[in-house]
Amino acid sequence: MLVQVVDVTDDRVRAAARPGQDVEGLTLNGAMQTPFLALGTVDEIADQLIAGRARWGITYFVVRSAEPFAPVIARLRSS
């Protein structure tokens, strides 16, 4: 799964609102649930990826930049 956006932030709702402005039909709830967007704190993103694995069987994620995603990887490894 190619994660299009990684935004590690304390304001997940605000981060989820941004893609909805550019993608027709993407609701706030949809942006917060899609596996294509990794938004929120490190824990929120890790939980979202774990939920995606359970829901859709996604076990492999690719990101455009590994640096902001590194803390998420560390969190997932510790789970």
C-alpha atoms as a PDB file:
ATOM      1  CA  MET A   1       0.000   0.000   0.000  1.00  0.00           C
ATOM      2  CA  LEU A   2       1.464   3.359  -0.997  1.00  0.00           C
ATOM      3  CA  VAL A   3       0.760   5.882   1.738  1.00  0.00           C
ATOM      4  CA  GLN A   4       0.311   9.173  -0.079  1.00  0.00           C
ATOM      5  CA  VAL A   5       0.645  11.487   2.928  1.00  0.00           C
ATOM      6  CA  VAL A   6       2.445  11.103   6.256  1.00  0.00           C
ATOM      7  CA  ASP A   7       1.628  13.947   8.636  1.00  0.00           C
ATOM      8  CA  VAL A   8       2.798  13.385  12.204  1.00  0.00           C
ATOM      9  CA  THR A   9       0.865  15.988  14.179  1.00  0.00           C
ATOM     10  CA  ASP A  10      -1.022  16.511  17.411  1.00  0.00           C
ATOM     11  CA  ASP A  11      -4.095  17.658  15.437  1.00  0.00           C
ATOM     12  CA  ARG A  12      -5.314  14.672  13.421  1.00  0.00           C
ATOM     13  CA  VAL A  13      -8.654  16.269  12.565  1.00  0.00           C
ATOM     14  CA  ARG A  14      -7.013  19.350  11.083  1.00  0.00           C
ATOM     15  CA  ALA A  15      -4.572  17.206   9.097  1.00  0.00           C
ATOM     16  CA  ALA A  16      -7.454  15.090   7.768  1.00  0.00           C
ATOM     17  CA  ALA A  17      -9.365  18.178   6.629  1.00  0.00           C
ATOM     18  CA  ARG A  18      -6.595  19.250   4.218  1.00  0.00           C
ATOM     19  CA  PRO A  19      -6.794  16.345   1.712  1.00  0.00           C
ATOM     20  CA  GLY A  20     -10.574  16.698   1.632  1.00  0.00           C
ATOM     21  CA  GLN A  21     -10.137  20.125   0.110  1.00  0.00           C
ATOM     22  CA  ASP A  22      -8.293  18.627  -2.880  1.00  0.00           C
ATOM     23  CA  VAL A  23     -10.054  15.283  -3.328  1.00  0.00           C
ATOM     24  CA  GLU A  24     -13.659  15.506  -4.419  1.00  0.00           C
ATOM     25  CA  GLY A  25     -15.957  13.393  -2.270  1.00  0.00           C
ATOM     26  CA  LEU A  26     -13.398  12.700   0.456  1.00  0.00           C
ATOM     27  CA  THR A  27     -15.064  13.312   3.784  1.00  0.00           C
ATOM     28  CA  LEU A  28     -13.268  14.070   7.022  1.00  0.00           C
ATOM     29  CA  ASN A  29     -14.205  10.627   8.343  1.00  0.00           C
ATOM     30  CA  GLY A  30     -13.012   9.008   5.117  1.00  0.00           C
ATOM     31  CA  ALA A  31      -9.678  10.828   5.303  1.00  0.00           C
ATOM     32  CA  MET A  32      -9.204   9.622   8.873  1.00  0.00           C
ATOM     33  CA  GLN A  33      -9.920   5.991   7.937  1.00  0.00           C
ATOM     34  CA  THR A  34      -8.240   5.547   4.570  1.00  0.00           C
ATOM     35  CA  PRO A  35      -4.956   3.648   4.593  1.00  0.00           C
ATOM     36  CA  PHE A  36      -3.595   6.075   1.976  1.00  0.00           C
ATOM     37  CA  LEU A  37      -3.220   8.848   4.587  1.00  0.00           C
ATOM     38  CA  ALA A  38      -1.171   8.447   7.766  1.00  0.00           C
ATOM     39  CA  LEU A  39      -2.304  11.353   9.939  1.00  0.00           C
ATOM     40  CA  GLY A  40      -1.989  12.167  13.629  1.00  0.00           C
ATOM     41  CA  THR A  41       0.339  11.328  16.449  1.00  0.00           C
ATOM     42  CA  VAL A  42       2.741   8.418  16.160  1.00  0.00           C
ATOM     43  CA  ASP A  43       0.358   6.306  18.268  1.00  0.00           C
ATOM     44  CA  GLU A  44      -2.678   7.308  16.180  1.00  0.00           C
ATOM     45  CA  ILE A  45      -0.917   6.455  12.932  1.00  0.00           C
ATOM     46  CA  ALA A  46       0.314   3.114  14.296  1.00  0.00           C
ATOM     47  CA  ASP A  47      -3.200   2.284  15.512  1.00  0.00           C
ATOM     48  CA  GLN A  48      -4.612   3.248  12.106  1.00  0.00           C
ATOM     49  CA  LEU A  49      -2.151   0.940  10.317  1.00  0.00           C
ATOM     50  CA  ILE A  50      -2.912  -1.909  12.714  1.00  0.00           C
ATOM     51  CA  ALA A  51      -6.636  -1.390  12.069  1.00  0.00           C
ATOM     52  CA  GLY A  52      -5.980  -1.433   8.318  1.00  0.00           C
ATOM     53  CA  ARG A  53      -4.166  -4.732   8.677  1.00  0.00           C
ATOM     54  CA  ALA A  54      -7.121  -6.208  10.549  1.00  0.00           C
ATOM     55  CA  ARG A  55      -9.755  -4.754   8.219  1.00  0.00           C
ATOM     56  CA  TRP A  56      -8.153  -5.127   4.784  1.00  0.00           C
ATOM     57  CA  GLY A  57      -5.203  -7.483   5.374  1.00  0.00           C
ATOM     58  CA  ILE A  58      -2.653  -4.809   4.421  1.00  0.00           C
ATOM     59  CA  THR A  59       0.715  -5.831   5.818  1.00  0.00           C
ATOM     60  CA  TYR A  60       3.131  -3.812   3.674  1.00  0.00           C
ATOM     61  CA  PHE A  61       3.248  -0.028   3.533  1.00  0.00           C
ATOM     62  CA  VAL A  62       5.408   2.217   1.357  1.00  0.00           C
ATOM     63  CA  VAL A  63       5.915   5.888   2.164  1.00  0.00           C
ATOM     64  CA  ARG A  64       7.449   8.651   0.068  1.00  0.00           C
ATOM     65  CA  SER A  65       9.795   9.789   2.851  1.00  0.00           C
ATOM     66  CA  ALA A  66      11.012   7.421   5.540  1.00  0.00           C
ATOM     67  CA  GLU A  67      12.264  10.082   7.966  1.00  0.00           C
ATOM     68  CA  PRO A  68       8.893  11.318   9.301  1.00  0.00           C
ATOM     69  CA  PHE A  69       7.618   7.722   9.330  1.00  0.00           C
ATOM     70  CA  ALA A  70      10.548   6.302  11.355  1.00  0.00           C
ATOM     71  CA  PRO A  71       8.910   6.873  14.774  1.00  0.00           C
ATOM     72  CA  VAL A  72       5.817   5.022  13.538  1.00  0.00           C
ATOM     73  CA  ILE A  73       7.970   2.062  12.497  1.00  0.00           C
ATOM     74  CA  ALA A  74       9.606   2.044  15.923  1.00  0.00           C
ATOM     75  CA  ARG A  75       6.186   2.107  17.601  1.00  0.00           C
ATOM     76  CA  LEU A  76       4.911  -0.762  15.431  1.00  0.00           C
ATOM     77  CA  ARG A  77       7.985  -2.840  16.197  1.00  0.00           C
ATOM     78  CA  SER A  78       7.409  -2.381  19.913  1.00  0.00           C
ATOM     79  CA  SER A  79       3.796  -3.626  19.662  1.00  0.00           C
END
